[in-house]
Amino acid sequence: MSDADVTEIAIRTMMVAAKVAAPILLTALLVGFLISLFQAATQIQEATLSFVPKMIAVAIALLITGNWVLSELVSFTQSLFDTLPRLLGRT
């Protein structure tokens, strides 16, 4: 296994991690931004007002995108296992 192979695997891993985490992180970001706008407009500074809607939105995002996330992770793992003989020098 060469340095280029390790770098390629690392780049692919980071790309898959970013793709998988994006829906959840963007949902939390959007809901957090909307709640902070609401809190700034009404001057209500309750911590649970920010936490509970974010938690519910992230749970809904996980339910909606969970199948896609799982299929992305499975296909990435299968591609790693498929390239394992080549990486070990056994073609």
PDB file of N, CA and C in Angstrom:
ATOM      1  N   MET A   1       0.865  -1.167   0.000  1.00  0.00           N
ATOM      2  CA  MET A   1       0.000   0.000   0.000  1.00  0.00           C
ATOM      3  C   MET A   1       0.908   1.225   0.000  1.00  0.00           C
ATOM      4  N   SER A   2       0.681   2.101  -0.949  1.00  0.00           N
ATOM      5  CA  SER A   2       1.525   3.284  -1.079  1.00  0.00           C
ATOM      6  C   SER A   2       0.902   4.468  -0.341  1.00  0.00           C
ATOM      7  N   ASP A   3       1.673   5.547  -0.318  1.00  0.00           N
ATOM      8  CA  ASP A   3       1.173   6.775   0.311  1.00  0.00           C
ATOM      9  C   ASP A   3      -0.027   7.334  -0.446  1.00  0.00           C
ATOM     10  N   ALA A   4      -0.022   7.183  -1.751  1.00  0.00           N
ATOM     11  CA  ALA A   4      -1.141   7.662  -2.566  1.00  0.00           C
ATOM     12  C   ALA A   4      -2.422   6.902  -2.242  1.00  0.00           C
ATOM     13  N   ASP A   5      -2.305   5.607  -1.988  1.00  0.00           N
ATOM     14  CA  ASP A   5      -3.485   4.803  -1.631  1.00  0.00           C
ATOM     15  C   ASP A   5      -4.069   5.261  -0.299  1.00  0.00           C
ATOM     16  N   VAL A   6      -3.192   5.500   0.659  1.00  0.00           N
ATOM     17  CA  VAL A   6      -3.646   5.958   1.972  1.00  0.00           C
ATOM     18  C   VAL A   6      -4.307   7.326   1.858  1.00  0.00           C
ATOM     19  N   THR A   7      -3.713   8.209   1.067  1.00  0.00           N
ATOM     20  CA  THR A   7      -4.290   9.542   0.869  1.00  0.00           C
ATOM     21  C   THR A   7      -5.638   9.458   0.179  1.00  0.00           C
ATOM     22  N   GLU A   8      -5.753   8.578  -0.822  1.00  0.00           N
ATOM     23  CA  GLU A   8      -7.031   8.412  -1.528  1.00  0.00           C
ATOM     24  C   GLU A   8      -8.123   7.898  -0.582  1.00  0.00           C
ATOM     25  N   ILE A   9      -7.780   6.932   0.244  1.00  0.00           N
ATOM     26  CA  ILE A   9      -8.753   6.398   1.200  1.00  0.00           C
ATOM     27  C   ILE A   9      -9.157   7.469   2.207  1.00  0.00           C
ATOM     28  N   ALA A  10      -8.190   8.243   2.669  1.00  0.00           N
ATOM     29  CA  ALA A  10      -8.499   9.302   3.631  1.00  0.00           C
ATOM     30  C   ALA A  10      -9.409  10.362   3.024  1.00  0.00           C
ATOM     31  N   ILE A  11      -9.143  10.741   1.786  1.00  0.00           N
ATOM     32  CA  ILE A  11      -9.983  11.747   1.117  1.00  0.00           C
ATOM     33  C   ILE A  11     -11.393  11.207   0.912  1.00  0.00           C
ATOM     34  N   ARG A  12     -11.503   9.955   0.448  1.00  0.00           N
ATOM     35  CA  ARG A  12     -12.828   9.360   0.251  1.00  0.00           C
ATOM     36  C   ARG A  12     -13.585   9.244   1.569  1.00  0.00           C
ATOM     37  N   THR A  13     -12.866   8.906   2.639  1.00  0.00           N
ATOM     38  CA  THR A  13     -13.503   8.785   3.954  1.00  0.00           C
ATOM     39  C   THR A  13     -14.034  10.129   4.427  1.00  0.00           C
ATOM     40  N   MET A  14     -13.236  11.168   4.258  1.00  0.00           N
ATOM     41  CA  MET A  14     -13.687  12.501   4.684  1.00  0.00           C
ATOM     42  C   MET A  14     -14.862  13.000   3.844  1.00  0.00           C
ATOM     43  N   MET A  15     -14.860  12.668   2.545  1.00  0.00           N
ATOM     44  CA  MET A  15     -15.980  13.074   1.698  1.00  0.00           C
ATOM     45  C   MET A  15     -17.268  12.353   2.097  1.00  0.00           C
ATOM     46  N   VAL A  16     -17.167  11.066   2.369  1.00  0.00           N
ATOM     47  CA  VAL A  16     -18.355  10.314   2.802  1.00  0.00           C
ATOM     48  C   VAL A  16     -18.838  10.834   4.156  1.00  0.00           C
ATOM     49  N   ALA A  17     -17.908  11.116   5.061  1.00  0.00           N
ATOM     50  CA  ALA A  17     -18.297  11.642   6.374  1.00  0.00           C
ATOM     51  C   ALA A  17     -19.002  12.988   6.240  1.00  0.00           C
ATOM     52  N   ALA A  18     -18.507  13.836   5.355  1.00  0.00           N
ATOM     53  CA  ALA A  18     -19.151  15.132   5.143  1.00  0.00           C
ATOM     54  C   ALA A  18     -20.539  14.975   4.523  1.00  0.00           C
ATOM     55  N   LYS A  19     -20.668  14.067   3.538  1.00  0.00           N
ATOM     56  CA  LYS A  19     -21.969  13.838   2.911  1.00  0.00           C
ATOM     57  C   LYS A  19     -22.975  13.277   3.901  1.00  0.00           C
ATOM     58  N   VAL A  20     -22.519  12.378   4.770  1.00  0.00           N
ATOM     59  CA  VAL A  20     -23.419  11.727   5.722  1.00  0.00           C
ATOM     60  C   VAL A  20     -23.841  12.699   6.824  1.00  0.00           C
ATOM     61  N   ALA A  21     -22.924  13.551   7.258  1.00  0.00           N
ATOM     62  CA  ALA A  21     -23.225  14.461   8.361  1.00  0.00           C
ATOM     63  C   ALA A  21     -23.966  15.716   7.909  1.00  0.00           C
ATOM     64  N   ALA A  22     -23.896  16.046   6.632  1.00  0.00           N
ATOM     65  CA  ALA A  22     -24.458  17.301   6.140  1.00  0.00           C
ATOM     66  C   ALA A  22     -25.956  17.484   6.433  1.00  0.00           C
ATOM     67  N   PRO A  23     -26.824  16.511   6.162  1.00  0.00           N
ATOM     68  CA  PRO A  23     -28.250  16.765   6.421  1.00  0.00           C
ATOM     69  C   PRO A  23     -28.554  17.061   7.891  1.00  0.00           C
ATOM     70  N   ILE A  24     -27.890  16.367   8.782  1.00  0.00           N
ATOM     71  CA  ILE A  24     -28.152  16.553  10.207  1.00  0.00           C
ATOM     72  C   ILE A  24     -27.595  17.892  10.675  1.00  0.00           C
ATOM     73  N   LEU A  25     -26.371  18.196  10.254  1.00  0.00           N
ATOM     74  CA  LEU A  25     -25.755  19.452  10.672  1.00  0.00           C
ATOM     75  C   LEU A  25     -26.473  20.658  10.087  1.00  0.00           C
ATOM     76  N   LEU A  26     -26.878  20.563   8.828  1.00  0.00           N
ATOM     77  CA  LEU A  26     -27.595  21.683   8.221  1.00  0.00           C
ATOM     78  C   LEU A  26     -28.968  21.885   8.853  1.00  0.00           C
ATOM     79  N   THR A  27     -29.621  20.799   9.215  1.00  0.00           N
ATOM     80  CA  THR A  27     -30.905  20.911   9.905  1.00  0.00           C
ATOM     81  C   THR A  27     -30.736  21.602  11.256  1.00  0.00           C
ATOM     82  N   ALA A  28     -29.733  21.178  12.021  1.00  0.00           N
ATOM     83  CA  ALA A  28     -29.486  21.802  13.325  1.00  0.00           C
ATOM     84  C   ALA A  28     -29.103  23.262  13.164  1.00  0.00           C
ATOM     85  N   LEU A  29     -28.323  23.573  12.125  1.00  0.00           N
ATOM     86  CA  LEU A  29     -27.931  24.959  11.880  1.00  0.00           C
ATOM     87  C   LEU A  29     -29.133  25.821  11.533  1.00  0.00           C
ATOM     88  N   LEU A  30     -29.977  25.329  10.656  1.00  0.00           N
ATOM     89  CA  LEU A  30     -31.149  26.101  10.234  1.00  0.00           C
ATOM     90  C   LEU A  30     -32.120  26.321  11.388  1.00  0.00           C
ATOM     91  N   VAL A  31     -32.419  25.267  12.126  1.00  0.00           N
ATOM     92  CA  VAL A  31     -33.350  25.399  13.258  1.00  0.00           C
ATOM     93  C   VAL A  31     -32.753  26.298  14.335  1.00  0.00           C
ATOM     94  N   GLY A  32     -31.463  26.140  14.614  1.00  0.00           N
ATOM     95  CA  GLY A  32     -30.813  26.998  15.602  1.00  0.00           C
ATOM     96  C   GLY A  32     -30.846  28.460  15.202  1.00  0.00           C
ATOM     97  N   PHE A  33     -30.633  28.724  13.913  1.00  0.00           N
ATOM     98  CA  PHE A  33     -30.689  30.106  13.425  1.00  0.00           C
ATOM     99  C   PHE A  33     -32.090  30.684  13.555  1.00  0.00           C
ATOM    100  N   LEU A  34     -33.095  29.898  13.180  1.00  0.00           N
ATOM    101  CA  LEU A  34     -34.472  30.392  13.286  1.00  0.00           C
ATOM    102  C   LEU A  34     -34.878  30.629  14.742  1.00  0.00           C
ATOM    103  N   ILE A  35     -34.474  29.740  15.627  1.00  0.00           N
ATOM    104  CA  ILE A  35     -34.789  29.914  17.049  1.00  0.00           C
ATOM    105  C   ILE A  35     -34.065  31.132  17.604  1.00  0.00           C
ATOM    106  N   SER A  36     -32.815  31.351  17.200  1.00  0.00           N
ATOM    107  CA  SER A  36     -32.099  32.518  17.703  1.00  0.00           C
ATOM    108  C   SER A  36     -32.717  33.816  17.194  1.00  0.00           C
ATOM    109  N   LEU A  37     -33.222  33.804  15.952  1.00  0.00           N
ATOM    110  CA  LEU A  37     -33.939  34.976  15.457  1.00  0.00           C
ATOM    111  C   LEU A  37     -35.202  35.229  16.279  1.00  0.00           C
ATOM    112  N   PHE A  38     -35.935  34.166  16.580  1.00  0.00           N
ATOM    113  CA  PHE A  38     -37.137  34.284  17.398  1.00  0.00           C
ATOM    114  C   PHE A  38     -36.796  34.801  18.793  1.00  0.00           C
ATOM    115  N   GLN A  39     -35.716  34.273  19.382  1.00  0.00           N
ATOM    116  CA  GLN A  39     -35.321  34.715  20.716  1.00  0.00           C
ATOM    117  C   GLN A  39     -34.863  36.171  20.700  1.00  0.00           C
ATOM    118  N   ALA A  40     -34.190  36.589  19.647  1.00  0.00           N
ATOM    119  CA  ALA A  40     -33.754  37.984  19.567  1.00  0.00           C
ATOM    120  C   ALA A  40     -34.943  38.925  19.384  1.00  0.00           C
ATOM    121  N   ALA A  41     -35.944  38.475  18.640  1.00  0.00           N
ATOM    122  CA  ALA A  41     -37.106  39.325  18.397  1.00  0.00           C
ATOM    123  C   ALA A  41     -37.988  39.435  19.628  1.00  0.00           C
ATOM    124  N   THR A  42     -38.105  38.358  20.384  1.00  0.00           N
ATOM    125  CA  THR A  42     -39.004  38.370  21.541  1.00  0.00           C
ATOM    126  C   THR A  42     -38.280  38.578  22.859  1.00  0.00           C
ATOM    127  N   GLN A  43     -36.962  38.553  22.855  1.00  0.00           N
ATOM    128  CA  GLN A  43     -36.128  38.689  24.038  1.00  0.00           C
ATOM    129  C   GLN A  43     -36.407  37.609  25.082  1.00  0.00           C
ATOM    130  N   ILE A  44     -36.796  36.450  24.618  1.00  0.00           N
ATOM    131  CA  ILE A  44     -36.957  35.284  25.495  1.00  0.00           C
ATOM    132  C   ILE A  44     -35.632  34.523  25.443  1.00  0.00           C
ATOM    133  N   GLN A  45     -34.960  34.394  26.580  1.00  0.00           N
ATOM    134  CA  GLN A  45     -33.653  33.741  26.613  1.00  0.00           C
ATOM    135  C   GLN A  45     -33.725  32.443  27.415  1.00  0.00           C
ATOM    136  N   GLU A  46     -34.564  31.552  26.989  1.00  0.00           N
ATOM    137  CA  GLU A  46     -34.723  30.260  27.641  1.00  0.00           C
ATOM    138  C   GLU A  46     -33.878  29.225  26.900  1.00  0.00           C
ATOM    139  N   ALA A  47     -33.044  28.485  27.628  1.00  0.00           N
ATOM    140  CA  ALA A  47     -32.132  27.531  26.999  1.00  0.00           C
ATOM    141  C   ALA A  47     -32.872  26.366  26.357  1.00  0.00           C
ATOM    142  N   THR A  48     -33.946  25.916  26.981  1.00  0.00           N
ATOM    143  CA  THR A  48     -34.679  24.781  26.419  1.00  0.00           C
ATOM    144  C   THR A  48     -35.416  25.167  25.146  1.00  0.00           C
ATOM    145  N   LEU A  49     -35.691  26.439  24.967  1.00  0.00           N
ATOM    146  CA  LEU A  49     -36.346  26.892  23.749  1.00  0.00           C
ATOM    147  C   LEU A  49     -35.442  26.654  22.540  1.00  0.00           C
ATOM    148  N   SER A  50     -34.151  26.664  22.750  1.00  0.00           N
ATOM    149  CA  SER A  50     -33.214  26.396  21.670  1.00  0.00           C
ATOM    150  C   SER A  50     -32.943  24.901  21.519  1.00  0.00           C
ATOM    151  N   PHE A  51     -32.859  24.194  22.618  1.00  0.00           N
ATOM    152  CA  PHE A  51     -32.428  22.793  22.591  1.00  0.00           C
ATOM    153  C   PHE A  51     -33.512  21.838  22.090  1.00  0.00           C
ATOM    154  N   VAL A  52     -34.701  21.955  22.610  1.00  0.00           N
ATOM    155  CA  VAL A  52     -35.766  20.990  22.300  1.00  0.00           C
ATOM    156  C   VAL A  52     -36.163  21.011  20.818  1.00  0.00           C
ATOM    157  N   PRO A  53     -36.401  22.162  20.198  1.00  0.00           N
ATOM    158  CA  PRO A  53     -36.734  22.124  18.765  1.00  0.00           C
ATOM    159  C   PRO A  53     -35.598  21.584  17.902  1.00  0.00           C
ATOM    160  N   LYS A  54     -34.356  21.896  18.282  1.00  0.00           N
ATOM    161  CA  LYS A  54     -33.212  21.356  17.531  1.00  0.00           C
ATOM    162  C   LYS A  54     -33.161  19.838  17.644  1.00  0.00           C
ATOM    163  N   MET A  55     -33.406  19.332  18.837  1.00  0.00           N
ATOM    164  CA  MET A  55     -33.384  17.892  19.051  1.00  0.00           C
ATOM    165  C   MET A  55     -34.488  17.213  18.237  1.00  0.00           C
ATOM    166  N   ILE A  56     -35.662  17.793  18.212  1.00  0.00           N
ATOM    167  CA  ILE A  56     -36.774  17.227  17.442  1.00  0.00           C
ATOM    168  C   ILE A  56     -36.479  17.287  15.947  1.00  0.00           C
ATOM    169  N   ALA A  57     -35.934  18.412  15.473  1.00  0.00           N
ATOM    170  CA  ALA A  57     -35.626  18.555  14.046  1.00  0.00           C
ATOM    171  C   ALA A  57     -34.536  17.585  13.611  1.00  0.00           C
ATOM    172  N   VAL A  58     -33.528  17.387  14.444  1.00  0.00           N
ATOM    173  CA  VAL A  58     -32.461  16.436  14.109  1.00  0.00           C
ATOM    174  C   VAL A  58     -33.010  15.013  14.093  1.00  0.00           C
ATOM    175  N   ALA A  59     -33.915  14.687  15.014  1.00  0.00           N
ATOM    176  CA  ALA A  59     -34.517  13.355  15.016  1.00  0.00           C
ATOM    177  C   ALA A  59     -35.343  13.135  13.746  1.00  0.00           C
ATOM    178  N   ILE A  60     -36.069  14.143  13.318  1.00  0.00           N
ATOM    179  CA  ILE A  60     -36.851  14.033  12.084  1.00  0.00           C
ATOM    180  C   ILE A  60     -35.922  13.905  10.881  1.00  0.00           C
ATOM    181  N   ALA A  61     -34.829  14.674  10.869  1.00  0.00           N
ATOM    182  CA  ALA A  61     -33.861  14.579   9.771  1.00  0.00           C
ATOM    183  C   ALA A  61     -33.226  13.195   9.727  1.00  0.00           C
ATOM    184  N   LEU A  62     -32.957  12.620  10.895  1.00  0.00           N
ATOM    185  CA  LEU A  62     -32.414  11.262  10.931  1.00  0.00           C
ATOM    186  C   LEU A  62     -33.415  10.246  10.399  1.00  0.00           C
ATOM    187  N   LEU A  63     -34.687  10.430  10.735  1.00  0.00           N
ATOM    188  CA  LEU A  63     -35.706   9.510  10.220  1.00  0.00           C
ATOM    189  C   LEU A  63     -35.852   9.621   8.711  1.00  0.00           C
ATOM    190  N   ILE A  64     -35.763  10.835   8.194  1.00  0.00           N
ATOM    191  CA  ILE A  64     -35.942  11.040   6.763  1.00  0.00           C
ATOM    192  C   ILE A  64     -34.723  10.563   5.973  1.00  0.00           C
ATOM    193  N   THR A  65     -33.526  10.899   6.454  1.00  0.00           N
ATOM    194  CA  THR A  65     -32.315  10.594   5.683  1.00  0.00           C
ATOM    195  C   THR A  65     -31.583   9.346   6.159  1.00  0.00           C
ATOM    196  N   GLY A  66     -32.117   8.654   7.139  1.00  0.00           N
ATOM    197  CA  GLY A  66     -31.425   7.501   7.696  1.00  0.00           C
ATOM    198  C   GLY A  66     -31.154   6.397   6.695  1.00  0.00           C
ATOM    199  N   ASN A  67     -32.115   6.104   5.829  1.00  0.00           N
ATOM    200  CA  ASN A  67     -31.932   5.053   4.827  1.00  0.00           C
ATOM    201  C   ASN A  67     -30.837   5.424   3.848  1.00  0.00           C
ATOM    202  N   TRP A  68     -30.816   6.678   3.411  1.00  0.00           N
ATOM    203  CA  TRP A  68     -29.786   7.137   2.488  1.00  0.00           C
ATOM    204  C   TRP A  68     -28.406   7.099   3.142  1.00  0.00           C
ATOM    205  N   VAL A  69     -28.322   7.534   4.398  1.00  0.00           N
ATOM    206  CA  VAL A  69     -27.054   7.524   5.128  1.00  0.00           C
ATOM    207  C   VAL A  69     -26.527   6.098   5.239  1.00  0.00           C
ATOM    208  N   LEU A  70     -27.396   5.184   5.598  1.00  0.00           N
ATOM    209  CA  LEU A  70     -26.986   3.787   5.736  1.00  0.00           C
ATOM    210  C   LEU A  70     -26.521   3.208   4.407  1.00  0.00           C
ATOM    211  N   SER A  71     -27.218   3.508   3.326  1.00  0.00           N
ATOM    212  CA  SER A  71     -26.804   2.988   2.020  1.00  0.00           C
ATOM    213  C   SER A  71     -25.478   3.589   1.584  1.00  0.00           C
ATOM    214  N   GLU A  72     -25.237   4.867   1.878  1.00  0.00           N
ATOM    215  CA  GLU A  72     -23.944   5.486   1.553  1.00  0.00           C
ATOM    216  C   GLU A  72     -22.816   4.818   2.324  1.00  0.00           C
ATOM    217  N   LEU A  73     -23.025   4.566   3.597  1.00  0.00           N
ATOM    218  CA  LEU A  73     -21.994   3.942   4.413  1.00  0.00           C
ATOM    219  C   LEU A  73     -21.733   2.501   3.985  1.00  0.00           C
ATOM    220  N   VAL A  74     -22.788   1.774   3.647  1.00  0.00           N
ATOM    221  CA  VAL A  74     -22.624   0.393   3.202  1.00  0.00           C
ATOM    222  C   VAL A  74     -21.891   0.341   1.868  1.00  0.00           C
ATOM    223  N   SER A  75     -22.240   1.214   0.937  1.00  0.00           N
ATOM    224  CA  SER A  75     -21.561   1.198  -0.366  1.00  0.00           C
ATOM    225  C   SER A  75     -20.098   1.615  -0.223  1.00  0.00           C
ATOM    226  N   PHE A  76     -19.800   2.552   0.665  1.00  0.00           N
ATOM    227  CA  PHE A  76     -18.414   2.940   0.900  1.00  0.00           C
ATOM    228  C   PHE A  76     -17.621   1.782   1.501  1.00  0.00           C
ATOM    229  N   THR A  77     -18.217   1.101   2.469  1.00  0.00           N
ATOM    230  CA  THR A  77     -17.542  -0.036   3.091  1.00  0.00           C
ATOM    231  C   THR A  77     -17.326  -1.161   2.087  1.00  0.00           C
ATOM    232  N   GLN A  78     -18.320  -1.423   1.255  1.00  0.00           N
ATOM    233  CA  GLN A  78     -18.164  -2.456   0.229  1.00  0.00           C
ATOM    234  C   GLN A  78     -17.073  -2.094  -0.765  1.00  0.00           C
ATOM    235  N   SER A  79     -16.982  -0.829  -1.140  1.00  0.00           N
ATOM    236  CA  SER A  79     -15.923  -0.432  -2.068  1.00  0.00           C
ATOM    237  C   SER A  79     -14.550  -0.564  -1.424  1.00  0.00           C
ATOM    238  N   LEU A  80     -14.466  -0.297  -0.122  1.00  0.00           N
ATOM    239  CA  LEU A  80     -13.193  -0.503   0.565  1.00  0.00           C
ATOM    240  C   LEU A  80     -12.816  -1.977   0.589  1.00  0.00           C
ATOM    241  N   PHE A  81     -13.770  -2.841   0.873  1.00  0.00           N
ATOM    242  CA  PHE A  81     -13.495  -4.278   0.887  1.00  0.00           C
ATOM    243  C   PHE A  81     -13.158  -4.792  -0.508  1.00  0.00           C
ATOM    244  N   ASP A  82     -13.763  -4.207  -1.544  1.00  0.00           N
ATOM    245  CA  ASP A  82     -13.458  -4.616  -2.915  1.00  0.00           C
ATOM    246  C   ASP A  82     -12.034  -4.226  -3.321  1.00  0.00           C
ATOM    247  N   THR A  83     -11.551  -3.106  -2.831  1.00  0.00           N
ATOM    248  CA  THR A  83     -10.197  -2.663  -3.177  1.00  0.00           C
ATOM    249  C   THR A  83      -9.129  -3.200  -2.236  1.00  0.00           C
ATOM    250  N   LEU A  84      -9.522  -3.918  -1.209  1.00  0.00           N
ATOM    251  CA  LEU A  84      -8.561  -4.437  -0.235  1.00  0.00           C
ATOM    252  C   LEU A  84      -7.519  -5.357  -0.869  1.00  0.00           C
ATOM    253  N   PRO A  85      -7.870  -6.297  -1.736  1.00  0.00           N
ATOM    254  CA  PRO A  85      -6.815  -7.139  -2.343  1.00  0.00           C
ATOM    255  C   PRO A  85      -5.797  -6.325  -3.149  1.00  0.00           C
ATOM    256  N   ARG A  86      -6.268  -5.319  -3.877  1.00  0.00           N
ATOM    257  CA  ARG A  86      -5.346  -4.482  -4.647  1.00  0.00           C
ATOM    258  C   ARG A  86      -4.432  -3.695  -3.714  1.00  0.00           C
ATOM    259  N   LEU A  87      -4.982  -3.205  -2.611  1.00  0.00           N
ATOM    260  CA  LEU A  87      -4.177  -2.426  -1.675  1.00  0.00           C
ATOM    261  C   LEU A  87      -3.130  -3.284  -0.993  1.00  0.00           C
ATOM    262  N   LEU A  88      -3.442  -4.550  -0.789  1.00  0.00           N
ATOM    263  CA  LEU A  88      -2.493  -5.446  -0.142  1.00  0.00           C
ATOM    264  C   LEU A  88      -1.490  -6.054  -1.130  1.00  0.00           C
ATOM    265  N   GLY A  89      -1.685  -5.749  -2.409  1.00  0.00           N
ATOM    266  CA  GLY A  89      -0.751  -6.241  -3.413  1.00  0.00           C
ATOM    267  C   GLY A  89      -1.119  -7.575  -3.994  1.00  0.00           C
ATOM    268  N   ARG A  90      -2.318  -8.033  -3.740  1.00  0.00           N
ATOM    269  CA  ARG A  90      -2.794  -9.323  -4.260  1.00  0.00           C
ATOM    270  C   ARG A  90      -3.921  -9.055  -5.249  1.00  0.00           C
ATOM    271  N   THR A  91      -3.639  -9.086  -6.518  1.00  0.00           N
ATOM    272  CA  THR A  91      -4.676  -8.806  -7.526  1.00  0.00           C
ATOM    273  C   THR A  91      -5.250 -10.023  -8.105  1.00  0.00           C
TER     274      THR A  91
END
